[in-house]
Amino acid sequence: MSKKKNYWFIEPLDSRTNKIIVGYLEQVGSTDMLEIYVRDEIEPIKAFYIQYHQIVYLRGCIEDYNLKFRVIFSHNMDGPFWVSDLWKIKKPRLEKRKVEEGLKNIKKKKDSK
């Protein structure tokens, strides 16, 4: 039995993320944008075809650049397409940093009184 191949797509969720992703994909030589229908969604989306290792790289940049995107995959270039739960965006480092900054601000206010 042969292993299924996954085809990966990334959908930027805001214009800033779109600009960063386009810039990155231009550097690596691939800016193929496709209009695809994601399963259980009515409207088509515009997403970039992307390699798995490129998703891994962009996932590592989420907090540094405040990227907002979702990852779509399929076992066939013709679909069906699904949103990947594996790549749901969570920002624990960013949340931790915000809490730490908040605590520092509270401490500064107490110290200044």
Protein backbone atom coordinates (compact mmCIF):
# COMPACT_ATOMS: atom_id res chain seq x y z
CA MET A 1 0.00 0.00 0.00
CA SER A 2 1.49 3.33 -1.01
CA LYS A 3 1.67 6.30 1.30
CA LYS A 4 -0.72 9.16 0.47
CA LYS A 5 0.90 12.38 -0.64
CA ASN A 6 -0.27 15.61 0.95
CA TYR A 7 -0.56 18.86 -0.96
CA TRP A 8 -0.32 21.91 1.27
CA PHE A 9 -1.79 25.39 0.87
CA ILE A 10 -1.62 28.46 3.06
CA GLU A 11 -4.35 31.09 3.27
CA PRO A 12 -3.26 34.46 4.70
CA LEU A 13 -6.01 35.88 6.90
CA ASP A 14 -5.00 39.54 6.66
CA SER A 15 -3.21 41.83 4.21
CA ARG A 16 -0.07 42.18 6.33
CA THR A 17 0.36 38.41 6.55
CA ASN A 18 -0.32 38.16 2.82
CA LYS A 19 2.48 40.65 2.09
CA ILE A 20 4.96 38.76 4.32
CA ILE A 21 4.04 35.37 2.86
CA VAL A 22 4.29 36.65 -0.73
CA GLY A 23 7.73 38.12 0.08
CA TYR A 24 8.89 34.83 1.57
CA LEU A 25 7.52 32.76 -1.31
CA GLU A 26 9.18 35.07 -3.87
CA GLN A 27 12.51 34.41 -2.13
CA VAL A 28 12.06 30.65 -2.38
CA GLY A 29 10.76 30.91 -5.95
CA SER A 30 7.13 29.88 -5.61
CA THR A 31 4.12 32.20 -5.59
CA ASP A 32 1.42 29.95 -7.04
CA MET A 33 -1.95 31.19 -5.79
CA LEU A 34 -4.99 29.05 -6.45
CA GLU A 35 -8.68 29.43 -5.87
CA ILE A 36 -9.88 26.35 -4.01
CA TYR A 37 -13.05 25.18 -2.32
CA VAL A 38 -12.51 24.04 1.25
CA ARG A 39 -14.78 21.25 2.44
CA ASP A 40 -17.89 22.53 4.30
CA GLU A 41 -17.36 26.12 3.10
CA ILE A 42 -19.51 27.80 0.45
CA GLU A 43 -17.14 30.41 -0.98
CA PRO A 44 -13.81 29.58 -2.61
CA ILE A 45 -10.63 30.85 -0.99
CA LYS A 46 -7.38 32.10 -2.47
CA ALA A 47 -4.45 30.15 -1.10
CA PHE A 48 -0.80 29.65 -2.00
CA TYR A 49 0.53 26.22 -2.88
CA ILE A 50 3.38 25.63 -0.44
CA GLN A 51 5.75 22.89 0.67
CA TYR A 52 5.52 21.31 4.13
CA HIS A 53 8.95 22.63 5.23
CA GLN A 54 7.88 26.16 4.24
CA ILE A 55 4.84 25.87 6.52
CA VAL A 56 7.13 24.75 9.33
CA TYR A 57 9.30 27.85 8.75
CA LEU A 58 6.31 30.24 8.68
CA ARG A 59 4.82 28.56 11.76
CA GLY A 60 8.04 29.44 13.59
CA CYS A 61 7.63 33.10 12.54
CA ILE A 62 4.04 33.49 13.75
CA GLU A 63 4.83 35.24 17.01
CA ASP A 64 7.74 37.31 15.72
CA TYR A 65 5.72 38.78 12.85
CA ASN A 66 2.18 38.32 14.23
CA LEU A 67 1.21 36.21 11.23
CA LYS A 68 -2.39 35.13 10.76
CA PHE A 69 -3.01 32.26 8.38
CA ARG A 70 -4.59 28.86 8.11
CA VAL A 71 -3.24 25.74 6.46
CA ILE A 72 -5.24 23.71 3.97
CA PHE A 73 -4.34 20.26 2.68
CA SER A 74 -5.49 17.65 0.22
CA HIS A 75 -4.35 14.25 -0.99
CA ASN A 76 -5.06 15.31 -4.57
CA MET A 77 -4.44 18.62 -6.36
CA ASP A 78 -8.06 18.52 -7.53
CA GLY A 79 -9.44 18.25 -3.98
CA PRO A 80 -11.23 17.77 -1.73
CA PHE A 81 -9.49 20.31 0.52
CA TRP A 82 -9.55 20.40 4.32
CA VAL A 83 -8.40 22.88 6.95
CA SER A 84 -5.55 21.27 8.87
CA ASP A 85 -6.07 21.13 12.64
CA LEU A 86 -2.39 20.26 13.01
CA TRP A 87 -1.42 23.84 12.14
CA LYS A 88 -4.01 25.76 14.18
CA ILE A 89 -2.35 28.90 15.44
CA LYS A 90 -1.72 29.19 19.13
CA LYS A 91 0.64 31.80 20.51
CA PRO A 92 1.79 30.67 23.95
CA ARG A 93 5.06 32.65 23.87
CA LEU A 94 3.22 35.81 22.87
CA GLU A 95 0.67 35.34 25.64
CA LYS A 96 3.42 34.67 28.17
CA ARG A 97 5.26 37.81 27.03
CA LYS A 98 2.09 39.92 27.42
CA VAL A 99 1.52 38.59 30.94
CA GLU A 100 5.15 39.27 31.89
CA GLU A 101 4.95 42.83 30.52
CA GLY A 102 1.72 43.40 32.41
CA LEU A 103 3.30 42.21 35.65
CA LYS A 104 6.32 44.48 35.08
CA ASN A 105 4.01 47.46 34.53
CA ILE A 106 2.12 46.70 37.73
CA LYS A 107 5.39 46.42 39.65
CA LYS A 108 6.64 49.73 38.19
CA LYS A 109 3.41 51.46 39.25
CA LYS A 110 3.74 50.08 42.78
CA ASP A 111 7.41 51.10 42.98
CA SER A 112 6.67 54.64 41.79
CA LYS A 113 4.07 55.25 44.54
